[in-house]
Amino acid sequence: MWADGGCTGRLVDLARDVLRIALSVVKRSDDTTGFTVLPRRWLVGRTLAWLMCSRRLARDYEGRTDRSEAVIRWSMSVIMSRRLARRPC
């Protein structure tokens, strides 16, 4: 799993100990200035953009986090099933 450079510290420990996944943090190098494209960082933004196409996720309607998680899972399932159902050209 990839994370942004701001997601360090306790999140890495939580991912390893509780979730049992390897978390790889993508950081900028210290010698760069200005805008630079970082590897794997665009995946998060693209996935969030796909999820925002879901009307229910465009606003924060859910009052409980478990319901919000269920809507995210449902929306991603719809996206993935549509991709799987596409016929190759």
C-alpha atoms as a PDB file:
ATOM      1  CA  MET A   1       0.000   0.000   0.000  1.00  0.00           C
ATOM      2  CA  TRP A   2       1.287   3.468  -0.809  1.00  0.00           C
ATOM      3  CA  ALA A   3       0.872   6.558   1.335  1.00  0.00           C
ATOM      4  CA  ASP A   4       1.724  10.236   1.063  1.00  0.00           C
ATOM      5  CA  GLY A   5       4.787  11.675   2.760  1.00  0.00           C
ATOM      6  CA  GLY A   6       2.611  13.154   5.511  1.00  0.00           C
ATOM      7  CA  CYS A   7       1.380   9.721   6.543  1.00  0.00           C
ATOM      8  CA  THR A   8       4.271   8.564   8.646  1.00  0.00           C
ATOM      9  CA  GLY A   9       4.732   7.583  12.260  1.00  0.00           C
ATOM     10  CA  ARG A  10       1.798   5.820  13.883  1.00  0.00           C
ATOM     11  CA  LEU A  11       0.102   4.933  10.580  1.00  0.00           C
ATOM     12  CA  VAL A  12       3.049   2.800   9.479  1.00  0.00           C
ATOM     13  CA  ASP A  13       2.972   0.926  12.800  1.00  0.00           C
ATOM     14  CA  LEU A  14      -0.820   0.492  12.640  1.00  0.00           C
ATOM     15  CA  ALA A  15      -0.676  -0.854   9.088  1.00  0.00           C
ATOM     16  CA  ARG A  16       2.053  -3.336   9.993  1.00  0.00           C
ATOM     17  CA  ASP A  17       0.735  -4.521  13.374  1.00  0.00           C
ATOM     18  CA  VAL A  18      -3.059  -4.354  13.096  1.00  0.00           C
ATOM     19  CA  LEU A  19      -3.856  -4.509   9.389  1.00  0.00           C
ATOM     20  CA  ARG A  20      -0.852  -6.697   8.479  1.00  0.00           C
ATOM     21  CA  ILE A  21      -0.039  -4.793   5.296  1.00  0.00           C
ATOM     22  CA  ALA A  22       3.195  -3.255   4.107  1.00  0.00           C
ATOM     23  CA  LEU A  23       2.920   0.514   3.872  1.00  0.00           C
ATOM     24  CA  SER A  24       5.321   2.259   1.524  1.00  0.00           C
ATOM     25  CA  VAL A  25       5.595   6.038   2.032  1.00  0.00           C
ATOM     26  CA  VAL A  26       6.272   8.067  -1.133  1.00  0.00           C
ATOM     27  CA  LYS A  27       8.354  11.120  -0.202  1.00  0.00           C
ATOM     28  CA  ARG A  28       9.855  14.030  -2.102  1.00  0.00           C
ATOM     29  CA  SER A  29      13.606  14.268  -2.175  1.00  0.00           C
ATOM     30  CA  ASP A  30      15.037  17.152  -0.188  1.00  0.00           C
ATOM     31  CA  ASP A  31      17.011  18.664  -3.071  1.00  0.00           C
ATOM     32  CA  THR A  32      14.032  19.282  -5.400  1.00  0.00           C
ATOM     33  CA  THR A  33      12.303  22.641  -5.679  1.00  0.00           C
ATOM     34  CA  GLY A  34       8.950  23.427  -7.213  1.00  0.00           C
ATOM     35  CA  PHE A  35       6.572  20.868  -8.664  1.00  0.00           C
ATOM     36  CA  THR A  36       7.821  17.358  -9.333  1.00  0.00           C
ATOM     37  CA  VAL A  37       5.828  14.288 -10.273  1.00  0.00           C
ATOM     38  CA  LEU A  38       6.240  11.590  -7.655  1.00  0.00           C
ATOM     39  CA  PRO A  39       5.849   7.911  -8.513  1.00  0.00           C
ATOM     40  CA  ARG A  40       2.564   6.283  -7.391  1.00  0.00           C
ATOM     41  CA  ARG A  41       1.221   9.523  -5.914  1.00  0.00           C
ATOM     42  CA  TRP A  42      -1.248  10.046  -8.770  1.00  0.00           C
ATOM     43  CA  LEU A  43      -2.994   6.750  -7.936  1.00  0.00           C
ATOM     44  CA  VAL A  44      -4.657   8.214  -4.866  1.00  0.00           C
ATOM     45  CA  GLY A  45      -5.904  11.326  -6.628  1.00  0.00           C
ATOM     46  CA  ARG A  46      -7.228   9.354  -9.595  1.00  0.00           C
ATOM     47  CA  THR A  47      -9.038   6.852  -7.357  1.00  0.00           C
ATOM     48  CA  LEU A  48     -10.631   9.637  -5.319  1.00  0.00           C
ATOM     49  CA  ALA A  49     -11.757  11.312  -8.551  1.00  0.00           C
ATOM     50  CA  TRP A  50     -13.423   8.069  -9.671  1.00  0.00           C
ATOM     51  CA  LEU A  51     -15.173   7.758  -6.320  1.00  0.00           C
ATOM     52  CA  MET A  52     -16.450  11.348  -6.478  1.00  0.00           C
ATOM     53  CA  CYS A  53     -18.447  10.408  -9.581  1.00  0.00           C
ATOM     54  CA  SER A  54     -20.701   8.562  -7.167  1.00  0.00           C
ATOM     55  CA  ARG A  55     -23.452  10.963  -6.177  1.00  0.00           C
ATOM     56  CA  ARG A  56     -23.646   9.675  -2.623  1.00  0.00           C
ATOM     57  CA  LEU A  57     -19.953  10.335  -2.051  1.00  0.00           C
ATOM     58  CA  ALA A  58     -19.931  13.839  -3.536  1.00  0.00           C
ATOM     59  CA  ARG A  59     -21.191  15.149  -0.189  1.00  0.00           C
ATOM     60  CA  ASP A  60     -20.726  13.795   3.297  1.00  0.00           C
ATOM     61  CA  TYR A  61     -24.250  12.495   3.937  1.00  0.00           C
ATOM     62  CA  GLU A  62     -23.316   9.650   6.254  1.00  0.00           C
ATOM     63  CA  GLY A  63     -23.309  10.235   9.990  1.00  0.00           C
ATOM     64  CA  ARG A  64     -21.495   7.036  10.866  1.00  0.00           C
ATOM     65  CA  THR A  65     -18.107   5.910   9.613  1.00  0.00           C
ATOM     66  CA  ASP A  66     -19.187   2.307   9.023  1.00  0.00           C
ATOM     67  CA  ARG A  67     -21.929   3.456   6.666  1.00  0.00           C
ATOM     68  CA  SER A  68     -19.528   5.776   4.885  1.00  0.00           C
ATOM     69  CA  GLU A  69     -17.091   2.889   4.452  1.00  0.00           C
ATOM     70  CA  ALA A  70     -19.888   0.714   3.074  1.00  0.00           C
ATOM     71  CA  VAL A  71     -20.803   3.369   0.484  1.00  0.00           C
ATOM     72  CA  ILE A  72     -17.143   3.665  -0.562  1.00  0.00           C
ATOM     73  CA  ARG A  73     -16.907  -0.105  -0.959  1.00  0.00           C
ATOM     74  CA  TRP A  74     -20.163  -0.193  -2.921  1.00  0.00           C
ATOM     75  CA  SER A  75     -19.025   2.608  -5.218  1.00  0.00           C
ATOM     76  CA  MET A  76     -15.660   0.967  -5.873  1.00  0.00           C
ATOM     77  CA  SER A  77     -17.430  -2.343  -6.563  1.00  0.00           C
ATOM     78  CA  VAL A  78     -19.584  -0.631  -9.191  1.00  0.00           C
ATOM     79  CA  ILE A  79     -16.505   0.930 -10.811  1.00  0.00           C
ATOM     80  CA  MET A  80     -14.598  -2.349 -10.875  1.00  0.00           C
ATOM     81  CA  SER A  81     -17.536  -4.432 -12.129  1.00  0.00           C
ATOM     82  CA  ARG A  82     -18.098  -1.985 -14.993  1.00  0.00           C
ATOM     83  CA  ARG A  83     -14.445  -2.307 -15.956  1.00  0.00           C
ATOM     84  CA  LEU A  84     -14.596  -6.096 -15.826  1.00  0.00           C
ATOM     85  CA  ALA A  85     -17.761  -6.168 -17.944  1.00  0.00           C
ATOM     86  CA  ARG A  86     -16.209  -4.122 -20.766  1.00  0.00           C
ATOM     87  CA  ARG A  87     -15.499  -6.037 -23.920  1.00  0.00           C
ATOM     88  CA  PRO A  88     -12.000  -5.809 -25.363  1.00  0.00           C
ATOM     89  CA  CYS A  89     -11.712  -3.877 -28.622  1.00  0.00           C
END
